């Protein structure tokens, strides 16, 4: 059976599982909100594939949801 997709929410702690757009692997961050045409959202794109994250290293970027894992 396929693993269910994680439902990301604002304030959730996450870890980057791949080197993506200058965010080193295993960097920790917090899911945040970004302004969109339909109002604030945690997703950077209409297809809801990119989750906006405030990284602990000071960067703020959207990362593909498949390259994030929830941190307990």
C-alpha atoms as a PDB file:
ATOM      1  CA  UNK A   1       0.000   0.000   0.000  1.00  0.00           C
ATOM      2  CA  UNK A   2       1.332   3.463  -0.898  1.00  0.00           C
ATOM      3  CA  UNK A   3       2.274   5.826   1.919  1.00  0.00           C
ATOM      4  CA  UNK A   4      -0.219   8.649   2.418  1.00  0.00           C
ATOM      5  CA  UNK A   5       0.989  12.158   1.544  1.00  0.00           C
ATOM      6  CA  UNK A   6       1.829  14.355   4.502  1.00  0.00           C
ATOM      7  CA  UNK A   7      -0.639  17.153   5.057  1.00  0.00           C
ATOM      8  CA  UNK A   8       1.482  20.207   5.717  1.00  0.00           C
ATOM      9  CA  UNK A   9       0.173  22.984   7.960  1.00  0.00           C
ATOM     10  CA  UNK A  10       1.435  26.417   8.985  1.00  0.00           C
ATOM     11  CA  UNK A  11       3.864  26.159  11.892  1.00  0.00           C
ATOM     12  CA  UNK A  12       4.786  22.515  11.212  1.00  0.00           C
ATOM     13  CA  UNK A  13       8.495  21.724  11.615  1.00  0.00           C
ATOM     14  CA  UNK A  14      10.021  20.066   8.543  1.00  0.00           C
ATOM     15  CA  UNK A  15      13.363  18.767   7.255  1.00  0.00           C
ATOM     16  CA  UNK A  16      14.628  19.010   3.662  1.00  0.00           C
ATOM     17  CA  UNK A  17      15.408  15.481   2.377  1.00  0.00           C
ATOM     18  CA  UNK A  18      17.228  16.589  -0.804  1.00  0.00           C
ATOM     19  CA  UNK A  19      19.538  19.412  -1.880  1.00  0.00           C
ATOM     20  CA  UNK A  20      17.068  21.851  -3.462  1.00  0.00           C
ATOM     21  CA  UNK A  21      17.697  25.396  -4.711  1.00  0.00           C
ATOM     22  CA  UNK A  22      20.430  26.136  -2.201  1.00  0.00           C
ATOM     23  CA  UNK A  23      18.751  24.516   0.790  1.00  0.00           C
ATOM     24  CA  UNK A  24      21.200  21.888   2.100  1.00  0.00           C
ATOM     25  CA  UNK A  25      19.932  18.382   2.822  1.00  0.00           C
ATOM     26  CA  UNK A  26      18.750  17.883   6.437  1.00  0.00           C
ATOM     27  CA  UNK A  27      18.147  21.629   6.981  1.00  0.00           C
ATOM     28  CA  UNK A  28      15.269  22.254   9.393  1.00  0.00           C
ATOM     29  CA  UNK A  29      12.551  24.852   8.956  1.00  0.00           C
ATOM     30  CA  UNK A  30       8.976  25.876   9.720  1.00  0.00           C
ATOM     31  CA  UNK A  31       6.109  25.901   7.226  1.00  0.00           C
ATOM     32  CA  UNK A  32       5.001  29.502   6.726  1.00  0.00           C
ATOM     33  CA  UNK A  33       2.551  31.554   4.696  1.00  0.00           C
ATOM     34  CA  UNK A  34       3.143  33.316   1.382  1.00  0.00           C
ATOM     35  CA  UNK A  35       0.924  35.831  -0.436  1.00  0.00           C
ATOM     36  CA  UNK A  36      -0.912  34.429  -3.474  1.00  0.00           C
ATOM     37  CA  UNK A  37      -3.542  35.756  -5.850  1.00  0.00           C
ATOM     38  CA  UNK A  38      -6.213  34.095  -3.686  1.00  0.00           C
ATOM     39  CA  UNK A  39      -4.804  35.236  -0.345  1.00  0.00           C
ATOM     40  CA  UNK A  40      -2.237  33.792   2.070  1.00  0.00           C
ATOM     41  CA  UNK A  41      -1.343  30.124   1.605  1.00  0.00           C
ATOM     42  CA  UNK A  42       1.369  27.651   2.572  1.00  0.00           C
ATOM     43  CA  UNK A  43       1.584  26.652  -1.108  1.00  0.00           C
ATOM     44  CA  UNK A  44       3.652  28.710  -3.582  1.00  0.00           C
ATOM     45  CA  UNK A  45       1.995  27.368  -6.729  1.00  0.00           C
ATOM     46  CA  UNK A  46      -1.567  26.698  -7.942  1.00  0.00           C
ATOM     47  CA  UNK A  47      -0.907  22.933  -8.156  1.00  0.00           C
ATOM     48  CA  UNK A  48       0.001  22.846  -4.430  1.00  0.00           C
ATOM     49  CA  UNK A  49       3.312  21.084  -5.112  1.00  0.00           C
ATOM     50  CA  UNK A  50       5.597  23.677  -3.481  1.00  0.00           C
ATOM     51  CA  UNK A  51       5.355  24.265   0.278  1.00  0.00           C
ATOM     52  CA  UNK A  52       6.648  27.627   1.563  1.00  0.00           C
ATOM     53  CA  UNK A  53       9.219  27.166   4.351  1.00  0.00           C
ATOM     54  CA  UNK A  54      11.062  29.599   6.625  1.00  0.00           C
ATOM     55  CA  UNK A  55      14.395  27.778   6.932  1.00  0.00           C
ATOM     56  CA  UNK A  56      16.469  27.939  10.110  1.00  0.00           C
ATOM     57  CA  UNK A  57      19.454  29.118   8.015  1.00  0.00           C
ATOM     58  CA  UNK A  58      17.572  32.360   7.208  1.00  0.00           C
ATOM     59  CA  UNK A  59      16.263  31.435   3.755  1.00  0.00           C
ATOM     60  CA  UNK A  60      12.593  31.529   2.799  1.00  0.00           C
ATOM     61  CA  UNK A  61      11.756  29.247  -0.117  1.00  0.00           C
ATOM     62  CA  UNK A  62       9.179  26.926  -1.512  1.00  0.00           C
ATOM     63  CA  UNK A  63      10.244  23.279  -1.695  1.00  0.00           C
ATOM     64  CA  UNK A  64       8.526  20.375  -3.421  1.00  0.00           C
ATOM     65  CA  UNK A  65       6.368  18.564  -0.900  1.00  0.00           C
ATOM     66  CA  UNK A  66       8.038  15.242  -1.800  1.00  0.00           C
ATOM     67  CA  UNK A  67      11.376  16.645  -0.603  1.00  0.00           C
ATOM     68  CA  UNK A  68      10.103  17.485   2.876  1.00  0.00           C
ATOM     69  CA  UNK A  69       9.499  15.323   5.902  1.00  0.00           C
ATOM     70  CA  UNK A  70       7.748  16.192   9.123  1.00  0.00           C
ATOM     71  CA  UNK A  71       9.945  16.527  12.216  1.00  0.00           C
ATOM     72  CA  UNK A  72       8.440  15.370  15.489  1.00  0.00           C
END
